[in-house]
Amino acid sequence: KGRFTISRDNADNTVILQMNSLKSE
């Protein structure tokens, strides 16, 4: 929470996961 963002584009049949502040875990 607070680091990743999920979004979707129904026109392109796409789901995105934007991952920031990545950690080794």
mmCIF file of all heavy atoms, coordinates in Angstrom:
data_MODEL
# 
_entry.id   MODEL 
# 
loop_
_atom_site.group_PDB 
_atom_site.id 
_atom_site.type_symbol 
_atom_site.label_atom_id 
_atom_site.label_alt_id 
_atom_site.label_comp_id 
_atom_site.label_asym_id 
_atom_site.label_entity_id 
_atom_site.label_seq_id 
_atom_site.pdbx_PDB_ins_code 
_atom_site.Cartn_x 
_atom_site.Cartn_y 
_atom_site.Cartn_z 
_atom_site.occupancy 
_atom_site.B_iso_or_equiv 
_atom_site.pdbx_formal_charge 
_atom_site.auth_seq_id 
_atom_site.auth_comp_id 
_atom_site.auth_asym_id 
_atom_site.auth_atom_id 
_atom_site.pdbx_PDB_model_num 
ATOM 1   N N   . LYS A 1 1  ? 0.828   -1.208 0.000   1.00 0.00 ? 1  LYS A N   1 
ATOM 2   C CA  . LYS A 1 1  ? 0.000   0.000  0.000   1.00 0.00 ? 1  LYS A CA  1 
ATOM 3   C C   . LYS A 1 1  ? 0.858   1.252  0.000   1.00 0.00 ? 1  LYS A C   1 
ATOM 4   O O   . LYS A 1 1  ? 1.819   1.354  0.749   1.00 0.00 ? 1  LYS A O   1 
ATOM 5   C CB  . LYS A 1 1  ? -0.923  -0.001 1.216   1.00 0.00 ? 1  LYS A CB  1 
ATOM 6   C CG  . LYS A 1 1  ? -2.155  -0.855 1.049   1.00 0.00 ? 1  LYS A CG  1 
ATOM 7   C CD  . LYS A 1 1  ? -3.091  -0.735 2.247   1.00 0.00 ? 1  LYS A CD  1 
ATOM 8   C CE  . LYS A 1 1  ? -4.332  -1.578 2.057   1.00 0.00 ? 1  LYS A CE  1 
ATOM 9   N NZ  . LYS A 1 1  ? -5.241  -1.520 3.221   1.00 0.00 ? 1  LYS A NZ  1 
ATOM 10  N N   . GLY A 1 2  ? 0.495   2.169  -0.850  1.00 0.00 ? 2  GLY A N   1 
ATOM 11  C CA  . GLY A 1 2  ? 1.223   3.427  -0.942  1.00 0.00 ? 2  GLY A CA  1 
ATOM 12  C C   . GLY A 1 2  ? 2.405   3.383  -1.881  1.00 0.00 ? 2  GLY A C   1 
ATOM 13  O O   . GLY A 1 2  ? 2.969   4.423  -2.218  1.00 0.00 ? 2  GLY A O   1 
ATOM 14  N N   . ARG A 1 3  ? 2.784   2.179  -2.310  1.00 0.00 ? 3  ARG A N   1 
ATOM 15  C CA  . ARG A 1 3  ? 3.931   2.047  -3.216  1.00 0.00 ? 3  ARG A CA  1 
ATOM 16  C C   . ARG A 1 3  ? 3.519   1.578  -4.613  1.00 0.00 ? 3  ARG A C   1 
ATOM 17  O O   . ARG A 1 3  ? 4.142   1.950  -5.601  1.00 0.00 ? 3  ARG A O   1 
ATOM 18  C CB  . ARG A 1 3  ? 4.947   1.061  -2.635  1.00 0.00 ? 3  ARG A CB  1 
ATOM 19  C CG  . ARG A 1 3  ? 5.518   1.488  -1.292  1.00 0.00 ? 3  ARG A CG  1 
ATOM 20  C CD  . ARG A 1 3  ? 6.684   0.601  -0.881  1.00 0.00 ? 3  ARG A CD  1 
ATOM 21  N NE  . ARG A 1 3  ? 6.284   -0.787 -0.642  1.00 0.00 ? 3  ARG A NE  1 
ATOM 22  C CZ  . ARG A 1 3  ? 6.803   -1.841 -1.288  1.00 0.00 ? 3  ARG A CZ  1 
ATOM 23  N NH1 . ARG A 1 3  ? 7.718   -1.665 -2.216  1.00 0.00 ? 3  ARG A NH1 1 
ATOM 24  N NH2 . ARG A 1 3  ? 6.393   -3.069 -0.994  1.00 0.00 ? 3  ARG A NH2 1 
ATOM 25  N N   . PHE A 1 4  ? 2.498   0.736  -4.686  1.00 0.00 ? 4  PHE A N   1 
ATOM 26  C CA  . PHE A 1 4  ? 2.040   0.178  -5.958  1.00 0.00 ? 4  PHE A CA  1 
ATOM 27  C C   . PHE A 1 4  ? 0.687   0.780  -6.330  1.00 0.00 ? 4  PHE A C   1 
ATOM 28  O O   . PHE A 1 4  ? -0.136  1.079  -5.444  1.00 0.00 ? 4  PHE A O   1 
ATOM 29  C CB  . PHE A 1 4  ? 1.872   -1.329 -5.867  1.00 0.00 ? 4  PHE A CB  1 
ATOM 30  C CG  . PHE A 1 4  ? 3.139   -2.121 -5.683  1.00 0.00 ? 4  PHE A CG  1 
ATOM 31  C CD1 . PHE A 1 4  ? 4.359   -1.514 -5.455  1.00 0.00 ? 4  PHE A CD1 1 
ATOM 32  C CD2 . PHE A 1 4  ? 3.101   -3.504 -5.757  1.00 0.00 ? 4  PHE A CD2 1 
ATOM 33  C CE1 . PHE A 1 4  ? 5.515   -2.253 -5.280  1.00 0.00 ? 4  PHE A CE1 1 
ATOM 34  C CE2 . PHE A 1 4  ? 4.252   -4.262 -5.600  1.00 0.00 ? 4  PHE A CE2 1 
ATOM 35  C CZ  . PHE A 1 4  ? 5.458   -3.635 -5.342  1.00 0.00 ? 4  PHE A CZ  1 
ATOM 36  N N   . THR A 1 5  ? 0.444   0.900  -7.628  1.00 0.00 ? 5  THR A N   1 
ATOM 37  C CA  . THR A 1 5  ? -0.842  1.376  -8.128  1.00 0.00 ? 5  THR A CA  1 
ATOM 38  C C   . THR A 1 5  ? -1.307  0.473  -9.261  1.00 0.00 ? 5  THR A C   1 
ATOM 39  O O   . THR A 1 5  ? -0.556  0.238  -10.216 1.00 0.00 ? 5  THR A O   1 
ATOM 40  C CB  . THR A 1 5  ? -0.744  2.815  -8.637  1.00 0.00 ? 5  THR A CB  1 
ATOM 41  O OG1 . THR A 1 5  ? -0.271  3.672  -7.583  1.00 0.00 ? 5  THR A OG1 1 
ATOM 42  C CG2 . THR A 1 5  ? -2.111  3.318  -9.100  1.00 0.00 ? 5  THR A CG2 1 
ATOM 43  N N   . ILE A 1 6  ? -2.525  -0.022 -9.152  1.00 0.00 ? 6  ILE A N   1 
ATOM 44  C CA  . ILE A 1 6  ? -3.108  -0.838 -10.217 1.00 0.00 ? 6  ILE A CA  1 
ATOM 45  C C   . ILE A 1 6  ? -4.103  0.022  -10.988 1.00 0.00 ? 6  ILE A C   1 
ATOM 46  O O   . ILE A 1 6  ? -4.837  0.840  -10.397 1.00 0.00 ? 6  ILE A O   1 
ATOM 47  C CB  . ILE A 1 6  ? -3.791  -2.111 -9.646  1.00 0.00 ? 6  ILE A CB  1 
ATOM 48  C CG1 . ILE A 1 6  ? -4.206  -3.047 -10.771 1.00 0.00 ? 6  ILE A CG1 1 
ATOM 49  C CG2 . ILE A 1 6  ? -4.962  -1.750 -8.731  1.00 0.00 ? 6  ILE A CG2 1 
ATOM 50  C CD1 . ILE A 1 6  ? -4.674  -4.427 -10.275 1.00 0.00 ? 6  ILE A CD1 1 
ATOM 51  N N   . SER A 1 7  ? -4.109  -0.160 -12.301 1.00 0.00 ? 7  SER A N   1 
ATOM 52  C CA  . SER A 1 7  ? -5.054  0.573  -13.147 1.00 0.00 ? 7  SER A CA  1 
ATOM 53  C C   . SER A 1 7  ? -5.429  -0.305 -14.333 1.00 0.00 ? 7  SER A C   1 
ATOM 54  O O   . SER A 1 7  ? -4.764  -1.313 -14.591 1.00 0.00 ? 7  SER A O   1 
ATOM 55  C CB  . SER A 1 7  ? -4.446  1.901  -13.627 1.00 0.00 ? 7  SER A CB  1 
ATOM 56  O OG  . SER A 1 7  ? -3.266  1.677  -14.385 1.00 0.00 ? 7  SER A OG  1 
ATOM 57  N N   . ARG A 1 8  ? -6.482  0.075  -15.035 1.00 0.00 ? 8  ARG A N   1 
ATOM 58  C CA  . ARG A 1 8  ? -6.912  -0.703 -16.189 1.00 0.00 ? 8  ARG A CA  1 
ATOM 59  C C   . ARG A 1 8  ? -7.365  0.219  -17.300 1.00 0.00 ? 8  ARG A C   1 
ATOM 60  O O   . ARG A 1 8  ? -7.822  1.343  -17.054 1.00 0.00 ? 8  ARG A O   1 
ATOM 61  C CB  . ARG A 1 8  ? -8.026  -1.672 -15.796 1.00 0.00 ? 8  ARG A CB  1 
ATOM 62  C CG  . ARG A 1 8  ? -9.326  -1.023 -15.401 1.00 0.00 ? 8  ARG A CG  1 
ATOM 63  C CD  . ARG A 1 8  ? -10.312 -2.059 -14.835 1.00 0.00 ? 8  ARG A CD  1 
ATOM 64  N NE  . ARG A 1 8  ? -10.711 -3.039 -15.842 1.00 0.00 ? 8  ARG A NE  1 
ATOM 65  C CZ  . ARG A 1 8  ? -11.223 -4.244 -15.539 1.00 0.00 ? 8  ARG A CZ  1 
ATOM 66  N NH1 . ARG A 1 8  ? -11.400 -4.598 -14.277 1.00 0.00 ? 8  ARG A NH1 1 
ATOM 67  N NH2 . ARG A 1 8  ? -11.582 -5.060 -16.505 1.00 0.00 ? 8  ARG A NH2 1 
ATOM 68  N N   . ASP A 1 9  ? -7.233  -0.287 -18.513 1.00 0.00 ? 9  ASP A N   1 
ATOM 69  C CA  . ASP A 1 9  ? -7.717  0.409  -19.703 1.00 0.00 ? 9  ASP A CA  1 
ATOM 70  C C   . ASP A 1 9  ? -8.578  -0.584 -20.474 1.00 0.00 ? 9  ASP A C   1 
ATOM 71  O O   . ASP A 1 9  ? -8.057  -1.478 -21.147 1.00 0.00 ? 9  ASP A O   1 
ATOM 72  C CB  . ASP A 1 9  ? -6.539  0.896  -20.544 1.00 0.00 ? 9  ASP A CB  1 
ATOM 73  C CG  . ASP A 1 9  ? -6.978  1.722  -21.735 1.00 0.00 ? 9  ASP A CG  1 
ATOM 74  O OD1 . ASP A 1 9  ? -8.157  1.620  -22.151 1.00 0.00 ? 9  ASP A OD1 1 
ATOM 75  O OD2 . ASP A 1 9  ? -6.151  2.455  -22.273 1.00 0.00 ? 9  ASP A OD2 1 
ATOM 76  N N   . ASN A 1 10 ? -9.878  -0.438 -20.350 1.00 0.00 ? 10 ASN A N   1 
ATOM 77  C CA  . ASN A 1 10 ? -10.788 -1.395 -20.996 1.00 0.00 ? 10 ASN A CA  1 
ATOM 78  C C   . ASN A 1 10 ? -10.747 -1.296 -22.513 1.00 0.00 ? 10 ASN A C   1 
ATOM 79  O O   . ASN A 1 10 ? -11.065 -2.263 -23.206 1.00 0.00 ? 10 ASN A O   1 
ATOM 80  C CB  . ASN A 1 10 ? -12.208 -1.194 -20.483 1.00 0.00 ? 10 ASN A CB  1 
ATOM 81  C CG  . ASN A 1 10 ? -12.388 -1.625 -19.041 1.00 0.00 ? 10 ASN A CG  1 
ATOM 82  O OD1 . ASN A 1 10 ? -11.585 -2.391 -18.495 1.00 0.00 ? 10 ASN A OD1 1 
ATOM 83  N ND2 . ASN A 1 10 ? -13.432 -1.128 -18.400 1.00 0.00 ? 10 ASN A ND2 1 
ATOM 84  N N   . ALA A 1 11 ? -10.373 -0.153 -23.029 1.00 0.00 ? 11 ALA A N   1 
ATOM 85  C CA  . ALA A 1 11 ? -10.292 -0.004 -24.478 1.00 0.00 ? 11 ALA A CA  1 
ATOM 86  C C   . ALA A 1 11 ? -9.146  -0.830 -25.062 1.00 0.00 ? 11 ALA A C   1 
ATOM 87  O O   . ALA A 1 11 ? -9.232  -1.301 -26.199 1.00 0.00 ? 11 ALA A O   1 
ATOM 88  C CB  . ALA A 1 11 ? -10.120 1.465  -24.845 1.00 0.00 ? 11 ALA A CB  1 
ATOM 89  N N   . ASP A 1 12 ? -8.076  -0.993 -24.267 1.00 0.00 ? 12 ASP A N   1 
ATOM 90  C CA  . ASP A 1 12 ? -6.898  -1.742 -24.725 1.00 0.00 ? 12 ASP A CA  1 
ATOM 91  C C   . ASP A 1 12 ? -6.774  -3.109 -24.082 1.00 0.00 ? 12 ASP A C   1 
ATOM 92  O O   . ASP A 1 12 ? -5.776  -3.794 -24.294 1.00 0.00 ? 12 ASP A O   1 
ATOM 93  C CB  . ASP A 1 12 ? -5.632  -0.944 -24.427 1.00 0.00 ? 12 ASP A CB  1 
ATOM 94  C CG  . ASP A 1 12 ? -5.482  0.268  -25.329 1.00 0.00 ? 12 ASP A CG  1 
ATOM 95  O OD1 . ASP A 1 12 ? -6.092  0.267  -26.420 1.00 0.00 ? 12 ASP A OD1 1 
ATOM 96  O OD2 . ASP A 1 12 ? -4.769  1.216  -24.945 1.00 0.00 ? 12 ASP A OD2 1 
ATOM 97  N N   . ASN A 1 13 ? -7.784  -3.494 -23.297 1.00 0.00 ? 13 ASN A N   1 
ATOM 98  C CA  . ASN A 1 13 ? -7.757  -4.798 -22.607 1.00 0.00 ? 13 ASN A CA  1 
ATOM 99  C C   . ASN A 1 13 ? -6.475  -4.969 -21.784 1.00 0.00 ? 13 ASN A C   1 
ATOM 100 O O   . ASN A 1 13 ? -5.853  -6.043 -21.780 1.00 0.00 ? 13 ASN A O   1 
ATOM 101 C CB  . ASN A 1 13 ? -7.862  -5.956 -23.609 1.00 0.00 ? 13 ASN A CB  1 
ATOM 102 C CG  . ASN A 1 13 ? -9.237  -6.077 -24.216 1.00 0.00 ? 13 ASN A CG  1 
ATOM 103 O OD1 . ASN A 1 13 ? -10.132 -5.288 -23.919 1.00 0.00 ? 13 ASN A OD1 1 
ATOM 104 N ND2 . ASN A 1 13 ? -9.426  -7.065 -25.070 1.00 0.00 ? 13 ASN A ND2 1 
ATOM 105 N N   . THR A 1 14 ? -6.089  -3.913 -21.082 1.00 0.00 ? 14 THR A N   1 
ATOM 106 C CA  . THR A 1 14 ? -4.810  -3.902 -20.380 1.00 0.00 ? 14 THR A CA  1 
ATOM 107 C C   . THR A 1 14 ? -4.987  -3.548 -18.909 1.00 0.00 ? 14 THR A C   1 
ATOM 108 O O   . THR A 1 14 ? -5.793  -2.673 -18.575 1.00 0.00 ? 14 THR A O   1 
ATOM 109 C CB  . THR A 1 14 ? -3.862  -2.884 -21.031 1.00 0.00 ? 14 THR A CB  1 
ATOM 110 O OG1 . THR A 1 14 ? -3.654  -3.241 -22.400 1.00 0.00 ? 14 THR A OG1 1 
ATOM 111 C CG2 . THR A 1 14 ? -2.517  -2.850 -20.322 1.00 0.00 ? 14 THR A CG2 1 
ATOM 112 N N   . VAL A 1 15 ? -4.230  -4.234 -18.071 1.00 0.00 ? 15 VAL A N   1 
ATOM 113 C CA  . VAL A 1 15 ? -4.134  -3.866 -16.661 1.00 0.00 ? 15 VAL A CA  1 
ATOM 114 C C   . VAL A 1 15 ? -2.667  -3.593 -16.353 1.00 0.00 ? 15 VAL A C   1 
ATOM 115 O O   . VAL A 1 15 ? -1.780  -4.308 -16.823 1.00 0.00 ? 15 VAL A O   1 
ATOM 116 C CB  . VAL A 1 15 ? -4.722  -4.964 -15.746 1.00 0.00 ? 15 VAL A CB  1 
ATOM 117 C CG1 . VAL A 1 15 ? -4.025  -6.287 -15.910 1.00 0.00 ? 15 VAL A CG1 1 
ATOM 118 C CG2 . VAL A 1 15 ? -4.718  -4.512 -14.300 1.00 0.00 ? 15 VAL A CG2 1 
ATOM 119 N N   . ILE A 1 16 ? -2.443  -2.543 -15.597 1.00 0.00 ? 16 ILE A N   1 
ATOM 120 C CA  . ILE A 1 16 ? -1.102  -2.064 -15.304 1.00 0.00 ? 16 ILE A CA  1 
ATOM 121 C C   . ILE A 1 16 ? -0.843  -2.148 -13.804 1.00 0.00 ? 16 ILE A C   1 
ATOM 122 O O   . ILE A 1 16 ? -1.740  -1.883 -12.989 1.00 0.00 ? 16 ILE A O   1 
ATOM 123 C CB  . ILE A 1 16 ? -0.932  -0.597 -15.741 1.00 0.00 ? 16 ILE A CB  1 
ATOM 124 C CG1 . ILE A 1 16 ? -1.201  -0.434 -17.237 1.00 0.00 ? 16 ILE A CG1 1 
ATOM 125 C CG2 . ILE A 1 16 ? 0.444   -0.055 -15.361 1.00 0.00 ? 16 ILE A CG2 1 
ATOM 126 C CD1 . ILE A 1 16 ? -0.183  -1.119 -18.118 1.00 0.00 ? 16 ILE A CD1 1 
ATOM 127 N N   . LEU A 1 17 ? 0.379   -2.493 -13.430 1.00 0.00 ? 17 LEU A N   1 
ATOM 128 C CA  . LEU A 1 17 ? 0.811   -2.395 -12.042 1.00 0.00 ? 17 LEU A CA  1 
ATOM 129 C C   . LEU A 1 17 ? 2.055   -1.505 -12.011 1.00 0.00 ? 17 LEU A C   1 
ATOM 130 O O   . LEU A 1 17 ? 3.128   -1.914 -12.477 1.00 0.00 ? 17 LEU A O   1 
ATOM 131 C CB  . LEU A 1 17 ? 1.119   -3.761 -11.436 1.00 0.00 ? 17 LEU A CB  1 
ATOM 132 C CG  . LEU A 1 17 ? 1.446   -3.742 -9.944  1.00 0.00 ? 17 LEU A CG  1 
ATOM 133 C CD1 . LEU A 1 17 ? 0.197   -3.370 -9.130  1.00 0.00 ? 17 LEU A CD1 1 
ATOM 134 C CD2 . LEU A 1 17 ? 1.990   -5.088 -9.483  1.00 0.00 ? 17 LEU A CD2 1 
ATOM 135 N N   . GLN A 1 18 ? 1.890   -0.302 -11.510 1.00 0.00 ? 18 GLN A N   1 
ATOM 136 C CA  . GLN A 1 18 ? 3.006   0.614  -11.342 1.00 0.00 ? 18 GLN A CA  1 
ATOM 137 C C   . GLN A 1 18 ? 3.601   0.378  -9.967  1.00 0.00 ? 18 GLN A C   1 
ATOM 138 O O   . GLN A 1 18 ? 2.904   0.518  -8.954  1.00 0.00 ? 18 GLN A O   1 
ATOM 139 C CB  . GLN A 1 18 ? 2.543   2.067  -11.472 1.00 0.00 ? 18 GLN A CB  1 
ATOM 140 C CG  . GLN A 1 18 ? 3.639   3.097  -11.247 1.00 0.00 ? 18 GLN A CG  1 
ATOM 141 C CD  . GLN A 1 18 ? 4.717   3.044  -12.304 1.00 0.00 ? 18 GLN A CD  1 
ATOM 142 O OE1 . GLN A 1 18 ? 4.427   2.941  -13.491 1.00 0.00 ? 18 GLN A OE1 1 
ATOM 143 N NE2 . GLN A 1 18 ? 5.979   3.122  -11.872 1.00 0.00 ? 18 GLN A NE2 1 
ATOM 144 N N   . MET A 1 19 ? 4.879   0.024  -9.937  1.00 0.00 ? 19 MET A N   1 
ATOM 145 C CA  . MET A 1 19 ? 5.545   -0.323 -8.682  1.00 0.00 ? 19 MET A CA  1 
ATOM 146 C C   . MET A 1 19 ? 6.657   0.677  -8.413  1.00 0.00 ? 19 MET A C   1 
ATOM 147 O O   . MET A 1 19 ? 7.597   0.795  -9.201  1.00 0.00 ? 19 MET A O   1 
ATOM 148 C CB  . MET A 1 19 ? 6.117   -1.739 -8.765  1.00 0.00 ? 19 MET A CB  1 
ATOM 149 C CG  . MET A 1 19 ? 5.087   -2.788 -9.157  1.00 0.00 ? 19 MET A CG  1 
ATOM 150 S SD  . MET A 1 19 ? 5.713   -4.472 -9.048  1.00 0.00 ? 19 MET A SD  1 
ATOM 151 C CE  . MET A 1 19 ? 6.977   -4.447 -10.303 1.00 0.00 ? 19 MET A CE  1 
ATOM 152 N N   . ASN A 1 20 ? 6.541   1.388  -7.307  1.00 0.00 ? 20 ASN A N   1 
ATOM 153 C CA  . ASN A 1 20 ? 7.538   2.380  -6.908  1.00 0.00 ? 20 ASN A CA  1 
ATOM 154 C C   . ASN A 1 20 ? 8.157   1.983  -5.574  1.00 0.00 ? 20 ASN A C   1 
ATOM 155 O O   . ASN A 1 20 ? 7.620   1.137  -4.850  1.00 0.00 ? 20 ASN A O   1 
ATOM 156 C CB  . ASN A 1 20 ? 6.888   3.761  -6.796  1.00 0.00 ? 20 ASN A CB  1 
ATOM 157 C CG  . ASN A 1 20 ? 6.302   4.245  -8.105  1.00 0.00 ? 20 ASN A CG  1 
ATOM 158 O OD1 . ASN A 1 20 ? 6.811   3.962  -9.188  1.00 0.00 ? 20 ASN A OD1 1 
ATOM 159 N ND2 . ASN A 1 20 ? 5.208   4.995  -8.014  1.00 0.00 ? 20 ASN A ND2 1 
ATOM 160 N N   . SER A 1 21 ? 9.274   2.611  -5.262  1.00 0.00 ? 21 SER A N   1 
ATOM 161 C CA  . SER A 1 21 ? 9.965   2.360  -3.981  1.00 0.00 ? 21 SER A CA  1 
ATOM 162 C C   . SER A 1 21 ? 10.132  0.871  -3.735  1.00 0.00 ? 21 SER A C   1 
ATOM 163 O O   . SER A 1 21 ? 9.824   0.355  -2.652  1.00 0.00 ? 21 SER A O   1 
ATOM 164 C CB  . SER A 1 21 ? 9.180   3.011  -2.831  1.00 0.00 ? 21 SER A CB  1 
ATOM 165 O OG  . SER A 1 21 ? 9.029   4.392  -3.033  1.00 0.00 ? 21 SER A OG  1 
ATOM 166 N N   . LEU A 1 22 ? 10.626  0.187  -4.727  1.00 0.00 ? 22 LEU A N   1 
ATOM 167 C CA  . LEU A 1 22 ? 10.736  -1.274 -4.640  1.00 0.00 ? 22 LEU A CA  1 
ATOM 168 C C   . LEU A 1 22 ? 11.735  -1.701 -3.578  1.00 0.00 ? 22 LEU A C   1 
ATOM 169 O O   . LEU A 1 22 ? 12.764  -1.030 -3.354  1.00 0.00 ? 22 LEU A O   1 
ATOM 170 C CB  . LEU A 1 22 ? 11.113  -1.847 -5.996  1.00 0.00 ? 22 LEU A CB  1 
ATOM 171 C CG  . LEU A 1 22 ? 9.943   -1.907 -6.977  1.00 0.00 ? 22 LEU A CG  1 
ATOM 172 C CD1 . LEU A 1 22 ? 10.437  -2.051 -8.411  1.00 0.00 ? 22 LEU A CD1 1 
ATOM 173 C CD2 . LEU A 1 22 ? 9.010   -3.060 -6.632  1.00 0.00 ? 22 LEU A CD2 1 
ATOM 174 N N   . LYS A 1 23 ? 11.417  -2.826 -2.940  1.00 0.00 ? 23 LYS A N   1 
ATOM 175 C CA  . LYS A 1 23 ? 12.251  -3.402 -1.886  1.00 0.00 ? 23 LYS A CA  1 
ATOM 176 C C   . LYS A 1 23 ? 12.658  -4.808 -2.294  1.00 0.00 ? 23 LYS A C   1 
ATOM 177 O O   . LYS A 1 23 ? 12.023  -5.436 -3.152  1.00 0.00 ? 23 LYS A O   1 
ATOM 178 C CB  . LYS A 1 23 ? 11.462  -3.458 -0.579  1.00 0.00 ? 23 LYS A CB  1 
ATOM 179 C CG  . LYS A 1 23 ? 10.879  -2.123 -0.122  1.00 0.00 ? 23 LYS A CG  1 
ATOM 180 C CD  . LYS A 1 23 ? 10.042  -2.309 1.125   1.00 0.00 ? 23 LYS A CD  1 
ATOM 181 C CE  . LYS A 1 23 ? 9.430   -0.984 1.590   1.00 0.00 ? 23 LYS A CE  1 
ATOM 182 N NZ  . LYS A 1 23 ? 8.595   -1.156 2.801   1.00 0.00 ? 23 LYS A NZ  1 
ATOM 183 N N   . SER A 1 24 ? 13.684  -5.312 -1.650  1.00 0.00 ? 24 SER A N   1 
ATOM 184 C CA  . SER A 1 24 ? 14.160  -6.658 -1.984  1.00 0.00 ? 24 SER A CA  1 
ATOM 185 C C   . SER A 1 24 ? 13.060  -7.692 -1.767  1.00 0.00 ? 24 SER A C   1 
ATOM 186 O O   . SER A 1 24 ? 12.985  -8.682 -2.501  1.00 0.00 ? 24 SER A O   1 
ATOM 187 C CB  . SER A 1 24 ? 15.387  -7.002 -1.149  1.00 0.00 ? 24 SER A CB  1 
ATOM 188 O OG  . SER A 1 24 ? 15.089  -6.920 0.243   1.00 0.00 ? 24 SER A OG  1 
ATOM 189 N N   . GLU A 1 25 ? 12.208  -7.464 -0.796  1.00 0.00 ? 25 GLU A N   1 
ATOM 190 C CA  . GLU A 1 25 ? 11.131  -8.420 -0.524  1.00 0.00 ? 25 GLU A CA  1 
ATOM 191 C C   . GLU A 1 25 ? 10.026  -8.386 -1.574  1.00 0.00 ? 25 GLU A C   1 
ATOM 192 O O   . GLU A 1 25 ? 9.107   -9.205 -1.524  1.00 0.00 ? 25 GLU A O   1 
ATOM 193 C CB  . GLU A 1 25 ? 10.526  -8.190 0.867   1.00 0.00 ? 25 GLU A CB  1 
ATOM 194 C CG  . GLU A 1 25 ? 10.104  -6.766 1.150   1.00 0.00 ? 25 GLU A CG  1 
ATOM 195 C CD  . GLU A 1 25 ? 11.158  -6.005 1.943   1.00 0.00 ? 25 GLU A CD  1 
ATOM 196 O OE1 . GLU A 1 25 ? 12.363  -6.115 1.612   1.00 0.00 ? 25 GLU A OE1 1 
ATOM 197 O OE2 . GLU A 1 25 ? 10.762  -5.269 2.866   1.00 0.00 ? 25 GLU A OE2 1 
# 
